[in-house]
Amino acid sequence: MNETLEQRQAPSEPTAQHQAVQMLTLAQRTADDHVASARREADRVRADARAAAEQIVRDARAHAHGLQQEAEKVLSDARAHAAQTARDAKVGADNARRDAEKILAAAQTRADAMATDAQVNADELRDQARQRYEDVVGGLAAKREALQQQIEALEEFDRDYRARLTTFMQNQLRGLWVDEPRLDAGDLEQQDSAASTPPIPEQVSRP
């Protein structure tokens, strides 16, 4: 009966330790994968937002440049017309010049407004990208904390299970000692040594 008990107790603890190490390694790898994925997503979002903002600014500048060229052409035509009509009436030329200046001012104002709107849109996109990055990183921190709590709970369960199993085996050995009072000191020492390394089941369900 002693040989059967020792054979059942001997090979279990290294297997449980190996499983615990595998679980910790898997949890750390999962957390690292989440961190890397979140960083890649944040970098992609920032790059997309930056590219969109730069494209908006380029489009606005190109449009403003076109408006300025158009205004300059209108001004040039107005000045040519004013030069041609100056022989007839200086007043007409002055009016045409004022009209051209008004058109240029309106075009400049419109170009400035469009550039301002483009900058506002770019800032909003940048803020949205930053907020999304913070949300992703914050969610990842919460997941990592939950994994850490699960690991701590597994470690606590392992310690409690070992303690209860050790107590159970010691009680069983004491019962065997009561049932077989003829055991000598050497047999009792072997039983105590076997009880100090209780078997651990291959699979432990989460508490």
Protein backbone atom coordinates (compact mmCIF):
# COMPACT_ATOMS: atom_id res chain seq x y z
CA MET A 1 0.00 0.00 0.00
CA ASN A 2 2.91 2.39 0.74
CA GLU A 3 4.47 1.77 -2.66
CA THR A 4 1.18 2.58 -4.44
CA LEU A 5 0.82 5.87 -2.52
CA GLU A 6 4.39 6.95 -3.32
CA GLN A 7 3.96 6.10 -7.01
CA ARG A 8 0.80 8.20 -7.22
CA GLN A 9 2.37 11.18 -5.43
CA ALA A 10 5.79 11.47 -7.09
CA PRO A 11 5.46 12.93 -10.66
CA SER A 12 2.71 15.57 -10.30
CA GLU A 13 4.35 18.75 -8.93
CA PRO A 14 6.77 19.45 -11.85
CA THR A 15 3.82 19.13 -14.26
CA ALA A 16 1.79 21.70 -12.31
CA GLN A 17 4.75 24.07 -12.13
CA HIS A 18 5.29 23.73 -15.88
CA GLN A 19 1.59 24.47 -16.53
CA ALA A 20 1.75 27.55 -14.28
CA VAL A 21 4.83 28.83 -16.14
CA GLN A 22 3.06 28.25 -19.47
CA MET A 23 -0.02 30.16 -18.26
CA LEU A 24 2.11 33.11 -17.10
CA THR A 25 4.05 33.12 -20.36
CA LEU A 26 0.83 33.03 -22.41
CA ALA A 27 -0.68 35.88 -20.37
CA GLN A 28 2.45 38.03 -20.81
CA ARG A 29 2.58 37.26 -24.54
CA THR A 30 -1.10 38.15 -24.92
CA ALA A 31 -0.59 41.45 -23.10
CA ASP A 32 2.45 42.27 -25.24
CA ASP A 33 0.50 41.46 -28.42
CA HIS A 34 -2.31 43.79 -27.33
CA VAL A 35 0.20 46.59 -26.61
CA ALA A 36 1.92 46.15 -29.99
CA SER A 37 -1.42 46.02 -31.83
CA ALA A 38 -2.66 49.17 -30.10
CA ARG A 39 0.55 51.02 -30.92
CA ARG A 40 0.35 50.00 -34.57
CA GLU A 41 -3.28 51.10 -34.76
CA ALA A 42 -2.47 54.43 -33.10
CA ASP A 43 0.46 55.02 -35.49
CA ARG A 44 -1.79 54.24 -38.46
CA VAL A 45 -4.52 56.59 -37.21
CA ARG A 46 -2.00 59.39 -36.64
CA ALA A 47 -0.49 58.87 -40.09
CA ASP A 48 -3.90 58.90 -41.78
CA ALA A 49 -4.96 62.02 -39.90
CA ARG A 50 -1.70 63.77 -40.71
CA ALA A 51 -1.97 62.84 -44.39
CA ALA A 52 -5.59 64.03 -44.54
CA ALA A 53 -4.73 67.31 -42.83
CA GLU A 54 -1.80 67.95 -45.14
CA GLN A 55 -3.97 67.18 -48.18
CA ILE A 56 -6.66 69.62 -46.97
CA VAL A 57 -4.07 72.34 -46.45
CA ARG A 58 -2.57 71.71 -49.90
CA ASP A 59 -5.98 71.82 -51.55
CA ALA A 60 -6.87 75.02 -49.73
CA ARG A 61 -3.61 76.67 -50.71
CA ALA A 62 -4.03 75.58 -54.33
CA HIS A 63 -7.58 76.93 -54.37
CA ALA A 64 -6.47 80.17 -52.76
CA HIS A 65 -3.67 80.51 -55.29
CA GLY A 66 -6.17 80.03 -58.10
CA LEU A 67 -8.45 82.65 -56.62
CA GLN A 68 -5.53 85.03 -56.29
CA GLN A 69 -4.53 84.48 -59.91
CA GLU A 70 -8.11 85.06 -60.95
CA ALA A 71 -8.24 88.26 -58.92
CA GLU A 72 -4.95 89.40 -60.37
CA LYS A 73 -6.29 88.76 -63.86
CA VAL A 74 -9.44 90.72 -63.08
CA LEU A 75 -7.30 93.52 -61.69
CA SER A 76 -5.11 93.48 -64.79
CA ASP A 77 -8.15 93.63 -67.06
CA ALA A 78 -9.61 96.42 -64.99
CA ARG A 79 -6.38 98.40 -65.19
CA ALA A 80 -6.19 97.87 -68.95
CA HIS A 81 -9.76 99.01 -69.29
CA ALA A 82 -9.06 102.00 -67.09
CA ALA A 83 -6.04 102.95 -69.21
CA GLN A 84 -8.12 102.71 -72.35
CA THR A 85 -10.97 104.80 -70.95
CA ALA A 86 -8.70 107.33 -69.23
CA ARG A 87 -8.67 109.41 -72.40
CA ASP A 88 -12.42 109.84 -72.18
CA ALA A 89 -12.94 110.24 -68.49
CA LYS A 90 -10.64 109.98 -65.50
CA VAL A 91 -13.64 109.34 -63.30
CA GLY A 92 -14.52 106.15 -65.13
CA ALA A 93 -10.97 104.87 -64.71
CA ASP A 94 -11.05 105.59 -60.97
CA ASN A 95 -14.34 103.74 -60.59
CA ALA A 96 -13.01 100.74 -62.48
CA ARG A 97 -9.91 100.69 -60.28
CA ARG A 98 -12.01 100.79 -57.14
CA ASP A 99 -14.15 97.93 -58.45
CA ALA A 100 -11.05 95.88 -59.17
CA GLU A 101 -9.65 96.54 -55.70
CA LYS A 102 -12.93 95.47 -54.15
CA ILE A 103 -12.85 92.22 -56.11
CA LEU A 104 -9.27 91.59 -55.01
CA ALA A 105 -10.13 92.28 -51.39
CA ALA A 106 -13.13 89.94 -51.54
CA ALA A 107 -11.03 87.22 -53.14
CA GLN A 108 -8.33 87.64 -50.50
CA THR A 109 -10.91 87.51 -47.74
CA ARG A 110 -12.42 84.37 -49.19
CA ALA A 111 -9.01 82.74 -49.52
CA ASP A 112 -8.16 83.62 -45.91
CA ALA A 113 -11.48 82.20 -44.70
CA MET A 114 -10.92 78.95 -46.61
CA ALA A 115 -7.39 78.62 -45.23
CA THR A 116 -8.71 79.19 -41.71
CA ASP A 117 -11.43 76.56 -42.20
CA ALA A 118 -8.86 74.10 -43.51
CA GLN A 119 -6.66 74.67 -40.46
CA VAL A 120 -9.63 74.18 -38.13
CA ASN A 121 -10.52 70.91 -39.87
CA ALA A 122 -6.92 69.75 -39.61
CA ASP A 123 -6.86 70.54 -35.89
CA GLU A 124 -10.11 68.65 -35.36
CA LEU A 125 -8.75 65.61 -37.17
CA ARG A 126 -5.58 65.76 -35.10
CA ASP A 127 -7.60 65.98 -31.87
CA GLN A 128 -9.78 63.06 -32.93
CA ALA A 129 -6.71 60.96 -33.71
CA ARG A 130 -5.17 61.84 -30.35
CA GLN A 131 -8.40 60.97 -28.52
CA ARG A 132 -8.65 57.66 -30.34
CA TYR A 133 -5.05 56.84 -29.44
CA GLU A 134 -5.72 57.62 -25.77
CA ASP A 135 -8.87 55.46 -25.82
CA VAL A 136 -6.98 52.53 -27.34
CA VAL A 137 -4.11 52.79 -24.85
CA GLY A 138 -6.53 53.20 -21.94
CA GLY A 139 -8.50 50.11 -22.98
CA LEU A 140 -5.28 48.15 -23.25
CA ALA A 141 -4.21 49.18 -19.75
CA ALA A 142 -7.55 47.94 -18.38
CA LYS A 143 -7.14 44.59 -20.17
CA ARG A 144 -3.61 44.22 -18.86
CA GLU A 145 -4.77 44.94 -15.30
CA ALA A 146 -7.54 42.33 -15.66
CA LEU A 147 -4.97 39.75 -16.85
CA GLN A 148 -2.74 40.58 -13.89
CA GLN A 149 -5.66 40.06 -11.51
CA GLN A 150 -6.41 36.69 -13.12
CA ILE A 151 -2.77 35.66 -12.72
CA GLU A 152 -2.78 36.69 -9.06
CA ALA A 153 -6.03 34.77 -8.50
CA LEU A 154 -4.48 31.64 -10.07
CA GLU A 155 -1.39 31.98 -7.88
CA GLU A 156 -3.56 32.37 -4.78
CA PHE A 157 -5.62 29.33 -5.78
CA ASP A 158 -2.44 27.31 -6.32
CA ARG A 159 -1.10 28.21 -2.86
CA ASP A 160 -4.43 27.44 -1.19
CA TYR A 161 -4.79 24.17 -3.08
CA ARG A 162 -1.30 23.05 -2.09
CA ALA A 163 -1.94 23.89 1.56
CA ARG A 164 -5.26 22.04 1.66
CA LEU A 165 -3.84 19.04 -0.18
CA THR A 166 -0.87 18.89 2.18
CA THR A 167 -3.22 18.96 5.19
CA PHE A 168 -5.35 16.22 3.62
CA MET A 169 -2.35 13.96 2.94
CA GLN A 170 -1.00 14.50 6.46
CA ASN A 171 -4.38 13.51 7.89
CA GLN A 172 -4.39 10.40 5.68
CA LEU A 173 -0.91 9.47 6.89
CA ARG A 174 -1.96 9.96 10.50
CA GLY A 175 -4.94 7.66 9.83
CA LEU A 176 -2.62 5.06 8.36
CA TRP A 177 -0.43 5.35 11.45
CA VAL A 178 -3.45 4.70 13.69
CA ASP A 179 -4.57 1.72 11.56
CA GLU A 180 -1.04 0.19 11.41
CA PRO A 181 0.71 0.81 14.76
CA ARG A 182 3.48 -1.66 13.87
CA LEU A 183 5.26 0.73 11.47
CA ASP A 184 8.83 1.38 12.48
CA ALA A 185 10.59 4.78 12.55
CA GLY A 186 12.02 4.36 9.03
CA ASP A 187 8.58 3.75 7.48
CA LEU A 188 7.13 6.74 9.31
CA GLU A 189 9.93 8.98 8.02
CA GLN A 190 9.26 7.82 4.43
CA GLN A 191 5.54 8.57 4.83
CA ASP A 192 6.28 12.08 6.20
CA SER A 193 8.67 12.71 3.30
CA ALA A 194 6.01 11.64 0.79
CA ALA A 195 3.41 13.83 2.49
CA SER A 196 5.66 16.90 2.13
CA THR A 197 5.34 16.70 -1.70
CA PRO A 198 1.59 16.27 -2.36
CA PRO A 199 0.40 15.48 -5.90
CA ILE A 200 -1.09 18.25 -8.00
CA PRO A 201 -3.79 17.41 -10.56
CA GLU A 202 -2.83 18.05 -14.18
CA GLN A 203 -5.75 20.47 -14.66
CA VAL A 204 -6.98 22.94 -12.06
CA SER A 205 -10.23 24.76 -12.72
CA ARG A 206 -10.26 28.51 -12.10
CA PRO A 207 -11.92 29.46 -8.75
